[in-house]
Amino acid sequence: MKKTLLFSVLLFVSTVFAQSITTASAYFKTISEYYGTIKDYEADFEIKVGKTESAGKLSFKAPDLMRMDYTNPQEQVICFNGDTLTIYLPDSDAALQQQVSPDSSGGAANLSTPQGLSLMSRYYMVAYETSQNAEPLDEGSDEMVVKFILTRKSASEAFRYIKVAVTESTKLIRRIEAVTPKGEEFIFNFFDYKLNQNLTEQRFIYDAPSSANNYNNFLFSE
């Protein structure tokens, strides 16, 4: 009788404990699914690559339209209209254009879209950086995030590992840190999200200044 009672108690405790734990891959899937419900969003961003920093506003409209308007450097634009990637570099007065697939547009910023999250889940192993519990974004910060670390499944992936910090209360990505095989680090911070504003497709049509030098298919030029 005592053994039966003890077994029942242990089974109950084990079941409750198991139900309270969400695997990292399952949690990350809920984030990806939530992004899939968002029709459009805008967010401010800050990017740090080595010692170089930039900032601006990111606009996204499902399923694959994206635009990045920079405030630093001023007037720089990256825009993907579903077919063509356009990059305007004001310092060089150059407009670069390339026909590309949606999955390859936007660089690391594309990771903050439903497609990017899905690709991360497919090609990277997802784990908690520490635990499933929210923790400060940085030491002393009052922003609470859940931190994931994704390690590549094969050597062909662009990043050796990716760290993703998700705001617990909103399920929105707050920070992405991506490190290449050569040790180059890309840090993206996203904040001040505005969701489902009914952005029109006109927002993702960009014409570079007429004075700009145009370079087509720049990704494949010699």
C-alpha atoms as a PDB file:
ATOM      1  CA  MET A   1       0.000   0.000   0.000  1.00  0.00           C
ATOM      2  CA  LYS A   2       2.781   2.409   0.939  1.00  0.00           C
ATOM      3  CA  LYS A   3       4.698   1.545  -2.233  1.00  0.00           C
ATOM      4  CA  THR A   4       1.598   2.111  -4.326  1.00  0.00           C
ATOM      5  CA  LEU A   5       0.949   5.461  -2.660  1.00  0.00           C
ATOM      6  CA  LEU A   6       4.569   6.536  -3.106  1.00  0.00           C
ATOM      7  CA  PHE A   7       4.498   5.542  -6.768  1.00  0.00           C
ATOM      8  CA  SER A   8       1.281   7.519  -7.303  1.00  0.00           C
ATOM      9  CA  VAL A   9       2.764  10.609  -5.661  1.00  0.00           C
ATOM     10  CA  LEU A  10       5.963  10.367  -7.729  1.00  0.00           C
ATOM     11  CA  LEU A  11       3.958   9.870 -10.909  1.00  0.00           C
ATOM     12  CA  PHE A  12       1.804  12.911 -10.112  1.00  0.00           C
ATOM     13  CA  VAL A  13       4.833  15.100  -9.340  1.00  0.00           C
ATOM     14  CA  SER A  14       6.639  13.937 -12.476  1.00  0.00           C
ATOM     15  CA  THR A  15       3.599  14.691 -14.631  1.00  0.00           C
ATOM     16  CA  VAL A  16       3.160  18.187 -13.197  1.00  0.00           C
ATOM     17  CA  PHE A  17       6.873  18.900 -13.598  1.00  0.00           C
ATOM     18  CA  ALA A  18       6.888  17.684 -17.194  1.00  0.00           C
ATOM     19  CA  GLN A  19       3.890  19.842 -18.043  1.00  0.00           C
ATOM     20  CA  SER A  20       5.608  22.940 -16.651  1.00  0.00           C
ATOM     21  CA  ILE A  21       8.593  22.573 -18.956  1.00  0.00           C
ATOM     22  CA  THR A  22       8.360  23.736 -22.576  1.00  0.00           C
ATOM     23  CA  THR A  23      11.160  22.579 -24.838  1.00  0.00           C
ATOM     24  CA  ALA A  24      13.139  25.308 -26.590  1.00  0.00           C
ATOM     25  CA  SER A  25      12.084  24.092 -30.040  1.00  0.00           C
ATOM     26  CA  ALA A  26       8.403  24.077 -29.027  1.00  0.00           C
ATOM     27  CA  TYR A  27       8.661  27.557 -27.500  1.00  0.00           C
ATOM     28  CA  PHE A  28      10.489  28.867 -30.560  1.00  0.00           C
ATOM     29  CA  LYS A  29       7.778  27.377 -32.777  1.00  0.00           C
ATOM     30  CA  THR A  30       5.135  29.409 -30.936  1.00  0.00           C
ATOM     31  CA  ILE A  31       7.154  32.557 -31.685  1.00  0.00           C
ATOM     32  CA  SER A  32       7.337  31.636 -35.371  1.00  0.00           C
ATOM     33  CA  GLU A  33       3.600  30.878 -35.467  1.00  0.00           C
ATOM     34  CA  TYR A  34       2.804  34.216 -33.818  1.00  0.00           C
ATOM     35  CA  TYR A  35       4.868  36.099 -36.421  1.00  0.00           C
ATOM     36  CA  GLY A  36       2.860  34.214 -39.047  1.00  0.00           C
ATOM     37  CA  THR A  37      -0.312  35.911 -37.769  1.00  0.00           C
ATOM     38  CA  ILE A  38       1.116  39.428 -38.133  1.00  0.00           C
ATOM     39  CA  LYS A  39      -0.018  41.134 -41.339  1.00  0.00           C
ATOM     40  CA  ASP A  40       2.544  43.924 -41.168  1.00  0.00           C
ATOM     41  CA  TYR A  41       4.762  45.738 -38.714  1.00  0.00           C
ATOM     42  CA  GLU A  42       7.216  48.559 -38.347  1.00  0.00           C
ATOM     43  CA  ALA A  43      10.010  48.734 -35.799  1.00  0.00           C
ATOM     44  CA  ASP A  44      13.056  50.853 -35.104  1.00  0.00           C
ATOM     45  CA  PHE A  45      16.345  49.037 -35.419  1.00  0.00           C
ATOM     46  CA  GLU A  46      19.966  49.421 -34.458  1.00  0.00           C
ATOM     47  CA  ILE A  47      22.690  47.329 -36.067  1.00  0.00           C
ATOM     48  CA  LYS A  48      26.249  46.794 -34.935  1.00  0.00           C
ATOM     49  CA  VAL A  49      28.780  45.008 -37.129  1.00  0.00           C
ATOM     50  CA  GLY A  50      32.187  45.110 -35.504  1.00  0.00           C
ATOM     51  CA  LYS A  51      32.784  48.775 -34.700  1.00  0.00           C
ATOM     52  CA  THR A  52      30.300  50.007 -37.300  1.00  0.00           C
ATOM     53  CA  GLU A  53      26.858  51.052 -36.094  1.00  0.00           C
ATOM     54  CA  SER A  54      23.749  51.985 -38.023  1.00  0.00           C
ATOM     55  CA  ALA A  55      20.084  52.657 -37.277  1.00  0.00           C
ATOM     56  CA  GLY A  56      16.729  53.226 -38.908  1.00  0.00           C
ATOM     57  CA  LYS A  57      13.197  51.904 -39.354  1.00  0.00           C
ATOM     58  CA  LEU A  58      12.236  48.455 -40.597  1.00  0.00           C
ATOM     59  CA  SER A  59       8.917  47.884 -42.387  1.00  0.00           C
ATOM     60  CA  PHE A  60       7.517  44.429 -43.186  1.00  0.00           C
ATOM     61  CA  LYS A  61       4.331  43.308 -44.919  1.00  0.00           C
ATOM     62  CA  ALA A  62       3.349  39.668 -45.246  1.00  0.00           C
ATOM     63  CA  PRO A  63       4.295  37.545 -46.954  1.00  0.00           C
ATOM     64  CA  ASP A  64       7.682  38.902 -48.029  1.00  0.00           C
ATOM     65  CA  LEU A  65       7.841  42.692 -48.515  1.00  0.00           C
ATOM     66  CA  MET A  66      10.560  44.469 -46.566  1.00  0.00           C
ATOM     67  CA  ARG A  67      12.077  47.920 -46.402  1.00  0.00           C
ATOM     68  CA  MET A  68      14.799  49.422 -44.230  1.00  0.00           C
ATOM     69  CA  ASP A  69      15.079  53.228 -44.138  1.00  0.00           C
ATOM     70  CA  TYR A  70      18.285  54.282 -42.406  1.00  0.00           C
ATOM     71  CA  THR A  71      18.800  57.342 -40.275  1.00  0.00           C
ATOM     72  CA  ASN A  72      22.458  56.355 -39.899  1.00  0.00           C
ATOM     73  CA  PRO A  73      23.784  56.511 -42.538  1.00  0.00           C
ATOM     74  CA  GLN A  74      21.213  59.096 -43.591  1.00  0.00           C
ATOM     75  CA  GLU A  75      19.056  58.215 -46.629  1.00  0.00           C
ATOM     76  CA  GLN A  76      20.439  54.693 -47.079  1.00  0.00           C
ATOM     77  CA  VAL A  77      17.661  52.310 -48.115  1.00  0.00           C
ATOM     78  CA  ILE A  78      17.293  48.556 -48.529  1.00  0.00           C
ATOM     79  CA  CYS A  79      14.005  47.545 -50.135  1.00  0.00           C
ATOM     80  CA  PHE A  80      12.590  44.217 -51.301  1.00  0.00           C
ATOM     81  CA  ASN A  81       9.339  44.418 -53.270  1.00  0.00           C
ATOM     82  CA  GLY A  82       8.796  40.682 -53.638  1.00  0.00           C
ATOM     83  CA  ASP A  83      10.904  40.369 -56.787  1.00  0.00           C
ATOM     84  CA  THR A  84      13.757  42.857 -56.697  1.00  0.00           C
ATOM     85  CA  LEU A  85      16.200  43.804 -53.960  1.00  0.00           C
ATOM     86  CA  THR A  86      17.284  47.454 -54.173  1.00  0.00           C
ATOM     87  CA  ILE A  87      20.065  48.957 -52.085  1.00  0.00           C
ATOM     88  CA  TYR A  88      20.756  52.677 -52.233  1.00  0.00           C
ATOM     89  CA  LEU A  89      24.131  53.806 -50.861  1.00  0.00           C
ATOM     90  CA  PRO A  90      24.120  57.606 -50.518  1.00  0.00           C
ATOM     91  CA  ASP A  91      27.836  57.895 -49.756  1.00  0.00           C
ATOM     92  CA  SER A  92      28.616  56.314 -53.139  1.00  0.00           C
ATOM     93  CA  ASP A  93      25.474  57.652 -54.837  1.00  0.00           C
ATOM     94  CA  ALA A  94      24.945  54.091 -56.066  1.00  0.00           C
ATOM     95  CA  ALA A  95      21.782  52.047 -56.548  1.00  0.00           C
ATOM     96  CA  LEU A  96      22.289  48.281 -56.556  1.00  0.00           C
ATOM     97  CA  GLN A  97      19.516  46.038 -57.867  1.00  0.00           C
ATOM     98  CA  GLN A  98      19.184  42.278 -57.957  1.00  0.00           C
ATOM     99  CA  GLN A  99      16.428  39.822 -58.794  1.00  0.00           C
ATOM    100  CA  VAL A 100      16.327  37.541 -55.762  1.00  0.00           C
ATOM    101  CA  SER A 101      14.113  35.063 -53.948  1.00  0.00           C
ATOM    102  CA  PRO A 102      12.298  36.209 -50.782  1.00  0.00           C
ATOM    103  CA  ASP A 103      14.405  33.893 -48.579  1.00  0.00           C
ATOM    104  CA  SER A 104      17.615  35.672 -49.561  1.00  0.00           C
ATOM    105  CA  SER A 105      16.505  39.282 -49.125  1.00  0.00           C
ATOM    106  CA  GLY A 106      17.344  41.529 -46.245  1.00  0.00           C
ATOM    107  CA  GLY A 107      20.338  39.708 -44.767  1.00  0.00           C
ATOM    108  CA  ALA A 108      20.172  39.114 -41.039  1.00  0.00           C
ATOM    109  CA  ALA A 109      17.139  41.400 -40.746  1.00  0.00           C
ATOM    110  CA  ASN A 110      15.171  38.781 -42.660  1.00  0.00           C
ATOM    111  CA  LEU A 111      15.497  36.545 -39.602  1.00  0.00           C
ATOM    112  CA  SER A 112      12.833  38.685 -37.928  1.00  0.00           C
ATOM    113  CA  THR A 113      10.151  37.537 -40.408  1.00  0.00           C
ATOM    114  CA  PRO A 114       7.999  34.373 -40.382  1.00  0.00           C
ATOM    115  CA  GLN A 115      10.085  32.941 -43.242  1.00  0.00           C
ATOM    116  CA  GLY A 116      13.335  33.691 -41.433  1.00  0.00           C
ATOM    117  CA  LEU A 117      12.142  32.092 -38.199  1.00  0.00           C
ATOM    118  CA  SER A 118      10.990  29.009 -40.092  1.00  0.00           C
ATOM    119  CA  LEU A 119      14.366  28.697 -41.806  1.00  0.00           C
ATOM    120  CA  MET A 120      16.171  29.021 -38.485  1.00  0.00           C
ATOM    121  CA  SER A 121      14.127  26.183 -37.056  1.00  0.00           C
ATOM    122  CA  ARG A 122      14.890  24.047 -40.093  1.00  0.00           C
ATOM    123  CA  TYR A 123      18.636  24.577 -40.353  1.00  0.00           C
ATOM    124  CA  TYR A 124      19.633  25.272 -36.751  1.00  0.00           C
ATOM    125  CA  MET A 125      19.270  23.350 -33.497  1.00  0.00           C
ATOM    126  CA  VAL A 126      17.290  25.416 -30.991  1.00  0.00           C
ATOM    127  CA  ALA A 127      18.130  25.489 -27.275  1.00  0.00           C
ATOM    128  CA  TYR A 128      17.637  27.857 -24.365  1.00  0.00           C
ATOM    129  CA  GLU A 129      20.713  29.933 -23.653  1.00  0.00           C
ATOM    130  CA  THR A 130      20.084  29.433 -19.921  1.00  0.00           C
ATOM    131  CA  SER A 131      16.484  28.370 -19.245  1.00  0.00           C
ATOM    132  CA  GLN A 132      12.897  28.931 -20.377  1.00  0.00           C
ATOM    133  CA  ASN A 133      12.466  31.587 -17.702  1.00  0.00           C
ATOM    134  CA  ALA A 134      12.660  35.239 -18.715  1.00  0.00           C
ATOM    135  CA  GLU A 135      15.775  37.145 -17.646  1.00  0.00           C
ATOM    136  CA  PRO A 136      17.086  40.702 -18.086  1.00  0.00           C
ATOM    137  CA  LEU A 137      18.131  41.578 -21.635  1.00  0.00           C
ATOM    138  CA  ASP A 138      21.413  42.915 -20.265  1.00  0.00           C
ATOM    139  CA  GLU A 139      22.829  43.014 -16.782  1.00  0.00           C
ATOM    140  CA  GLY A 140      20.826  45.575 -14.807  1.00  0.00           C
ATOM    141  CA  SER A 141      18.152  45.902 -17.500  1.00  0.00           C
ATOM    142  CA  ASP A 142      14.455  45.837 -16.613  1.00  0.00           C
ATOM    143  CA  GLU A 143      13.559  44.347 -20.010  1.00  0.00           C
ATOM    144  CA  MET A 144      12.673  40.687 -19.512  1.00  0.00           C
ATOM    145  CA  VAL A 145      13.377  38.323 -22.404  1.00  0.00           C
ATOM    146  CA  VAL A 146      13.640  34.621 -23.105  1.00  0.00           C
ATOM    147  CA  LYS A 147      17.022  33.835 -24.642  1.00  0.00           C
ATOM    148  CA  PHE A 148      17.582  31.155 -27.272  1.00  0.00           C
ATOM    149  CA  ILE A 149      20.790  29.960 -28.892  1.00  0.00           C
ATOM    150  CA  LEU A 150      20.687  28.290 -32.296  1.00  0.00           C
ATOM    151  CA  THR A 151      23.627  26.257 -33.575  1.00  0.00           C
ATOM    152  CA  ARG A 152      23.921  25.270 -37.210  1.00  0.00           C
ATOM    153  CA  LYS A 153      23.275  21.691 -38.278  1.00  0.00           C
ATOM    154  CA  SER A 154      25.748  21.805 -41.160  1.00  0.00           C
ATOM    155  CA  ALA A 155      28.845  23.787 -42.064  1.00  0.00           C
ATOM    156  CA  SER A 156      27.105  25.262 -45.105  1.00  0.00           C
ATOM    157  CA  GLU A 157      24.990  27.688 -43.056  1.00  0.00           C
ATOM    158  CA  ALA A 158      25.923  31.371 -43.089  1.00  0.00           C
ATOM    159  CA  PHE A 159      26.156  31.688 -39.300  1.00  0.00           C
ATOM    160  CA  ARG A 160      27.939  29.435 -36.834  1.00  0.00           C
ATOM    161  CA  TYR A 161      25.371  30.269 -34.216  1.00  0.00           C
ATOM    162  CA  ILE A 162      22.553  32.741 -33.631  1.00  0.00           C
ATOM    163  CA  LYS A 163      21.307  34.123 -30.332  1.00  0.00           C
ATOM    164  CA  VAL A 164      17.718  35.351 -30.236  1.00  0.00           C
ATOM    165  CA  ALA A 165      16.179  37.319 -27.353  1.00  0.00           C
ATOM    166  CA  VAL A 166      12.364  37.403 -27.352  1.00  0.00           C
ATOM    167  CA  THR A 167      10.342  39.761 -25.157  1.00  0.00           C
ATOM    168  CA  GLU A 168       8.309  37.483 -22.917  1.00  0.00           C
ATOM    169  CA  SER A 169       5.192  39.659 -22.771  1.00  0.00           C
ATOM    170  CA  THR A 170       4.869  40.317 -26.524  1.00  0.00           C
ATOM    171  CA  LYS A 171       6.575  37.312 -28.203  1.00  0.00           C
ATOM    172  CA  LEU A 172       8.427  39.804 -30.418  1.00  0.00           C
ATOM    173  CA  ILE A 173      12.124  39.602 -31.198  1.00  0.00           C
ATOM    174  CA  ARG A 174      14.116  42.150 -29.234  1.00  0.00           C
ATOM    175  CA  ARG A 175      17.643  41.189 -30.273  1.00  0.00           C
ATOM    176  CA  ILE A 176      19.446  38.934 -32.731  1.00  0.00           C
ATOM    177  CA  GLU A 177      23.162  38.183 -32.450  1.00  0.00           C
ATOM    178  CA  ALA A 178      24.562  36.215 -35.380  1.00  0.00           C
ATOM    179  CA  VAL A 179      28.173  35.049 -35.612  1.00  0.00           C
ATOM    180  CA  THR A 180      29.758  33.856 -38.864  1.00  0.00           C
ATOM    181  CA  PRO A 181      32.299  31.013 -39.128  1.00  0.00           C
ATOM    182  CA  LYS A 182      35.025  33.677 -39.333  1.00  0.00           C
ATOM    183  CA  GLY A 183      33.920  35.233 -36.055  1.00  0.00           C
ATOM    184  CA  GLU A 184      32.181  38.277 -37.533  1.00  0.00           C
ATOM    185  CA  GLU A 185      29.341  39.367 -35.272  1.00  0.00           C
ATOM    186  CA  PHE A 186      26.088  41.023 -36.337  1.00  0.00           C
ATOM    187  CA  ILE A 187      23.897  42.477 -33.584  1.00  0.00           C
ATOM    188  CA  PHE A 188      20.359  43.613 -34.414  1.00  0.00           C
ATOM    189  CA  ASN A 189      18.189  45.376 -31.833  1.00  0.00           C
ATOM    190  CA  PHE A 190      14.486  45.919 -32.537  1.00  0.00           C
ATOM    191  CA  PHE A 191      12.171  48.133 -30.500  1.00  0.00           C
ATOM    192  CA  ASP A 192       9.034  50.303 -30.623  1.00  0.00           C
ATOM    193  CA  TYR A 193       7.061  47.818 -32.712  1.00  0.00           C
ATOM    194  CA  LYS A 194       3.840  48.929 -34.389  1.00  0.00           C
ATOM    195  CA  LEU A 195       1.741  45.992 -35.569  1.00  0.00           C
ATOM    196  CA  ASN A 196      -0.943  45.615 -38.231  1.00  0.00           C
ATOM    197  CA  GLN A 197      -1.157  49.175 -39.504  1.00  0.00           C
ATOM    198  CA  ASN A 198      -2.463  48.094 -42.933  1.00  0.00           C
ATOM    199  CA  LEU A 199       0.711  49.131 -44.721  1.00  0.00           C
ATOM    200  CA  THR A 200       0.147  49.382 -48.461  1.00  0.00           C
ATOM    201  CA  GLU A 201       2.365  47.821 -51.105  1.00  0.00           C
ATOM    202  CA  GLN A 202       3.287  51.368 -52.157  1.00  0.00           C
ATOM    203  CA  ARG A 203       5.426  51.501 -49.004  1.00  0.00           C
ATOM    204  CA  PHE A 204       7.698  48.928 -50.612  1.00  0.00           C
ATOM    205  CA  ILE A 205       8.198  50.657 -53.933  1.00  0.00           C
ATOM    206  CA  TYR A 206      11.459  52.576 -53.931  1.00  0.00           C
ATOM    207  CA  ASP A 207      13.045  54.647 -56.674  1.00  0.00           C
ATOM    208  CA  ALA A 208      16.616  55.715 -56.066  1.00  0.00           C
ATOM    209  CA  PRO A 209      17.575  59.322 -56.870  1.00  0.00           C
ATOM    210  CA  SER A 210      17.970  59.920 -60.615  1.00  0.00           C
ATOM    211  CA  SER A 211      21.570  61.001 -60.030  1.00  0.00           C
ATOM    212  CA  ALA A 212      22.552  57.577 -58.658  1.00  0.00           C
ATOM    213  CA  ASN A 213      24.781  55.224 -60.603  1.00  0.00           C
ATOM    214  CA  ASN A 214      22.821  52.027 -61.262  1.00  0.00           C
ATOM    215  CA  TYR A 215      24.325  48.566 -60.932  1.00  0.00           C
ATOM    216  CA  ASN A 216      22.073  45.673 -61.950  1.00  0.00           C
ATOM    217  CA  ASN A 217      22.599  42.045 -60.919  1.00  0.00           C
ATOM    218  CA  PHE A 218      25.420  43.196 -58.649  1.00  0.00           C
ATOM    219  CA  LEU A 219      25.532  39.915 -56.738  1.00  0.00           C
ATOM    220  CA  PHE A 220      26.767  38.085 -59.809  1.00  0.00           C
ATOM    221  CA  SER A 221      28.900  40.777 -61.435  1.00  0.00           C
ATOM    222  CA  GLU A 222      32.663  40.311 -61.682  1.00  0.00           C
END
